[in-house]
N, C-alpha and C. Protein backbone atom coordinates (compact mmCIF):
# COMPACT_ATOMS: atom_id res chain seq x y z
N UNK A 1 0.30 -0.86 -0.22
CA UNK A 1 0.13 -0.24 -0.06
C UNK A 1 0.69 1.27 0.12
N UNK A 2 0.29 2.04 -0.57
CA UNK A 2 0.82 3.46 -0.86
C UNK A 2 0.81 4.39 0.58
N UNK A 3 1.51 5.36 0.69
CA UNK A 3 0.59 6.48 1.44
C UNK A 3 -0.02 7.80 0.74
N UNK A 4 -1.46 7.76 0.33
CA UNK A 4 -2.21 8.60 -0.64
C UNK A 4 -1.84 9.34 -0.45
N UNK A 5 -2.14 9.85 1.21
CA UNK A 5 -1.57 11.59 1.77
C UNK A 5 -0.41 11.77 1.25
N UNK A 6 0.26 11.39 1.42
CA UNK A 6 1.86 11.95 0.95
C UNK A 6 1.89 12.21 -0.62
N UNK A 7 1.27 11.12 -1.15
CA UNK A 7 1.33 10.97 -2.41
C UNK A 7 0.19 12.50 -3.48
N UNK A 8 -0.09 12.15 -2.54
CA UNK A 8 -1.52 14.17 -3.17
C UNK A 8 -0.79 15.60 -2.49
N UNK A 9 0.20 14.91 -1.26
CA UNK A 9 0.60 16.61 -0.67
C UNK A 9 1.54 16.81 -1.95
N UNK A 10 2.23 15.95 -1.84
CA UNK A 10 3.57 16.33 -2.98
C UNK A 10 2.74 16.33 -4.58
N UNK A 11 1.92 15.73 -5.13
CA UNK A 11 1.64 16.04 -6.33
C UNK A 11 1.06 17.12 -6.11
N UNK A 12 0.04 18.03 -5.26
CA UNK A 12 -0.80 19.73 -4.80
C UNK A 12 0.83 20.62 -5.42
N UNK A 13 1.67 19.71 -5.14
CA UNK A 13 2.98 21.30 -4.97
C UNK A 13 3.16 21.31 -6.60
N UNK A 14 3.17 20.13 -7.15
CA UNK A 14 3.30 19.93 -8.83
C UNK A 14 2.50 20.62 -9.81
N UNK A 15 3.46 21.09 -10.46
CA UNK A 15 2.66 21.52 -11.95
C UNK A 15 1.72 20.64 -12.51
N UNK A 16 0.51 21.08 -13.83
CA UNK A 16 -0.50 20.45 -13.98
C UNK A 16 0.50 18.73 -15.45
N UNK A 17 1.51 19.89 -15.86
CA UNK A 17 2.34 19.07 -17.15
C UNK A 17 3.41 18.11 -15.95
N UNK A 18 3.96 18.86 -14.71
CA UNK A 18 4.88 17.86 -14.05
C UNK A 18 4.26 15.78 -13.29
N UNK A 19 2.86 16.96 -13.03
CA UNK A 19 1.54 15.02 -12.81
C UNK A 19 1.37 14.61 -13.73
N UNK A 20 1.29 14.81 -15.29
CA UNK A 20 0.96 14.54 -16.02
C UNK A 20 2.51 13.52 -16.71
N UNK A 21 3.78 14.18 -15.96
CA UNK A 21 4.72 12.86 -16.73
C UNK A 21 5.03 12.04 -15.94
N UNK A 22 4.27 12.73 -14.57
CA UNK A 22 4.74 11.46 -13.49
C UNK A 22 3.18 9.66 -13.99
N UNK A 23 2.50 10.83 -14.03
CA UNK A 23 1.40 9.27 -14.46
C UNK A 23 2.10 8.99 -15.28
N UNK A 24 2.11 9.32 -17.16
CA UNK A 24 3.11 8.76 -17.54
C UNK A 24 4.59 7.65 -17.73
N UNK A 25 5.35 8.04 -16.59
CA UNK A 25 6.17 6.95 -15.48
C UNK A 25 5.80 5.92 -15.00
N UNK A 26 4.61 5.96 -14.01
CA UNK A 26 3.52 5.29 -13.69
C UNK A 26 3.32 3.76 -14.39
N UNK A 27 2.37 4.38 -15.59
CA UNK A 27 2.33 3.97 -16.71
C UNK A 27 3.24 2.98 -17.06
N UNK A 28 4.30 3.74 -17.26
CA UNK A 28 5.57 2.65 -18.20
C UNK A 28 6.11 1.90 -17.25
N UNK A 29 5.51 2.33 -15.84
CA UNK A 29 6.08 0.95 -14.84
C UNK A 29 5.30 0.12 -14.56
N UNK A 30 4.32 0.31 -14.97
CA UNK A 30 2.96 -1.17 -14.80
C UNK A 30 3.52 -1.26 -15.87
N UNK A 31 3.59 -1.42 -16.91
CA UNK A 31 3.94 -1.78 -17.67
C UNK A 31 4.99 -3.11 -17.77
N UNK A 32 6.20 -2.40 -17.09
CA UNK A 32 7.38 -3.09 -16.84
C UNK A 32 6.60 -4.37 -16.02
N UNK A 33 6.16 -4.32 -15.19
CA UNK A 33 5.68 -5.37 -13.91
C UNK A 33 4.82 -5.99 -14.70
N UNK A 34 3.54 -6.20 -15.38
CA UNK A 34 2.88 -6.56 -16.23
C UNK A 34 3.59 -7.57 -17.60
N UNK A 35 4.70 -7.37 -17.77
CA UNK A 35 5.77 -7.82 -18.95
C UNK A 35 6.45 -8.90 -17.82
N UNK A 36 6.92 -8.48 -16.90
CA UNK A 36 7.43 -9.39 -15.38
C UNK A 36 6.62 -10.57 -15.22
N UNK A 37 5.23 -10.41 -14.63
CA UNK A 37 4.12 -11.38 -15.25
C UNK A 37 3.95 -11.93 -15.81
N UNK A 38 4.09 -11.97 -16.99
CA UNK A 38 3.92 -12.82 -17.64
C UNK A 38 5.02 -14.13 -17.96
N UNK A 39 6.64 -13.64 -17.31
CA UNK A 39 7.28 -14.52 -17.03
C UNK A 39 7.71 -15.86 -16.31
N UNK A 40 7.12 -14.96 -15.02
CA UNK A 40 7.03 -15.53 -13.96
C UNK A 40 5.41 -14.86 -13.34
N UNK A 41 4.92 -16.08 -11.82
CA UNK A 41 4.13 -15.55 -10.84
C UNK A 41 4.63 -14.32 -9.66
N UNK A 42 4.92 -13.55 -9.72
CA UNK A 42 5.89 -13.12 -8.41
C UNK A 42 4.51 -12.15 -7.49
N UNK A 43 5.05 -12.54 -6.35
CA UNK A 43 4.11 -11.56 -5.85
C UNK A 43 4.64 -10.15 -5.91
N UNK A 44 5.95 -9.73 -6.07
CA UNK A 44 6.32 -8.85 -5.20
C UNK A 44 5.90 -7.55 -7.43
N UNK A 45 6.23 -8.59 -8.37
CA UNK A 45 5.18 -8.07 -9.38
C UNK A 45 4.13 -7.84 -9.32
N UNK A 46 3.10 -8.31 -8.96
CA UNK A 46 1.79 -8.33 -8.36
C UNK A 46 1.61 -6.73 -7.21
N UNK A 47 2.81 -6.46 -6.42
CA UNK A 47 2.31 -5.66 -5.13
C UNK A 47 2.76 -4.14 -5.99
N UNK A 48 3.59 -4.16 -6.51
CA UNK A 48 4.18 -3.17 -7.54
C UNK A 48 3.12 -2.59 -8.46
N UNK A 49 2.52 -3.35 -8.75
CA UNK A 49 1.34 -3.42 -9.81
C UNK A 49 0.21 -2.66 -9.23
N UNK A 50 -0.03 -3.13 -8.23
CA UNK A 50 -0.84 -2.34 -7.42
C UNK A 50 -0.97 -1.08 -6.67
N UNK A 51 0.60 -0.87 -6.42
CA UNK A 51 0.67 -0.05 -6.05
C UNK A 51 1.34 1.51 -7.08
N UNK A 52 1.37 1.22 -7.86
CA UNK A 52 1.38 1.77 -9.20
C UNK A 52 0.28 2.25 -9.73
N UNK A 53 -0.96 1.19 -9.93
CA UNK A 53 -2.20 2.02 -9.84
C UNK A 53 -3.02 3.15 -8.55
N UNK A 54 -2.54 2.52 -7.50
CA UNK A 54 -3.15 3.51 -6.64
C UNK A 54 -2.19 4.77 -6.99
N UNK A 55 -1.33 4.79 -6.82
CA UNK A 55 -0.38 5.94 -7.19
C UNK A 55 -0.80 7.03 -8.77
N UNK A 56 -1.27 6.14 -9.19
CA UNK A 56 -1.70 7.01 -10.66
C UNK A 56 -3.15 7.48 -10.52
N UNK A 57 -3.72 6.66 -9.54
CA UNK A 57 -5.37 7.17 -9.32
C UNK A 57 -5.09 8.31 -8.42
N UNK A 58 -4.25 8.57 -7.43
CA UNK A 58 -3.74 9.59 -6.17
C UNK A 58 -3.74 10.97 -7.45
N UNK A 59 -2.87 10.31 -8.16
CA UNK A 59 -1.44 11.98 -9.17
C UNK A 59 -3.08 11.92 -9.98
N UNK A 60 -4.11 11.34 -10.88
CA UNK A 60 -4.78 11.46 -11.89
C UNK A 60 -6.01 12.67 -10.83
N UNK A 61 -5.81 12.35 -9.78
CA UNK A 61 -6.88 13.23 -9.39
C UNK A 61 -6.64 14.38 -8.57
N UNK A 62 -5.10 14.09 -8.05
CA UNK A 62 -4.63 15.83 -7.84
C UNK A 62 -4.45 16.38 -9.75
N UNK A 63 -4.74 15.97 -10.94
CA UNK A 63 -4.49 16.77 -11.67
C UNK A 63 -6.02 17.21 -12.03
N UNK A 64 -6.09 16.51 -11.73
CA UNK A 64 -8.23 17.23 -12.08
C UNK A 64 -8.55 18.37 -11.11
N UNK A 65 -7.81 18.49 -10.16
CA UNK A 65 -8.24 19.26 -9.21
C UNK A 65 -7.39 20.43 -9.68
N UNK A 66 -6.25 20.51 -10.14
CA UNK A 66 -5.56 21.40 -10.77
C UNK A 66 -6.17 22.34 -12.00
N UNK A 67 -7.06 21.42 -13.16
CA UNK A 67 -7.40 21.68 -14.15
C UNK A 67 -8.98 21.65 -13.92
N UNK A 68 -9.71 22.16 -12.67
CA UNK A 68 -10.69 22.28 -12.31
C UNK A 68 -12.29 21.14 -13.30
N UNK A 69 -11.77 19.76 -12.84
CA UNK A 69 -12.50 18.92 -13.92
C UNK A 69 -13.15 18.04 -12.74
């Protein structure tokens, strides 16, 4: 599990562009761990994917706040 509050605090201090770049980074990271799962059933990969998805969710919420969506 991630510290959603901490991620939100950090994201609130970032620009919209920076948040978007972070979301792209976490998308790439998720793709990497999904590839790892194609070759092995590792709990670390499953945990990483879950954490990445949580992080992207929080970042997306913060981006929406900045864009008044």
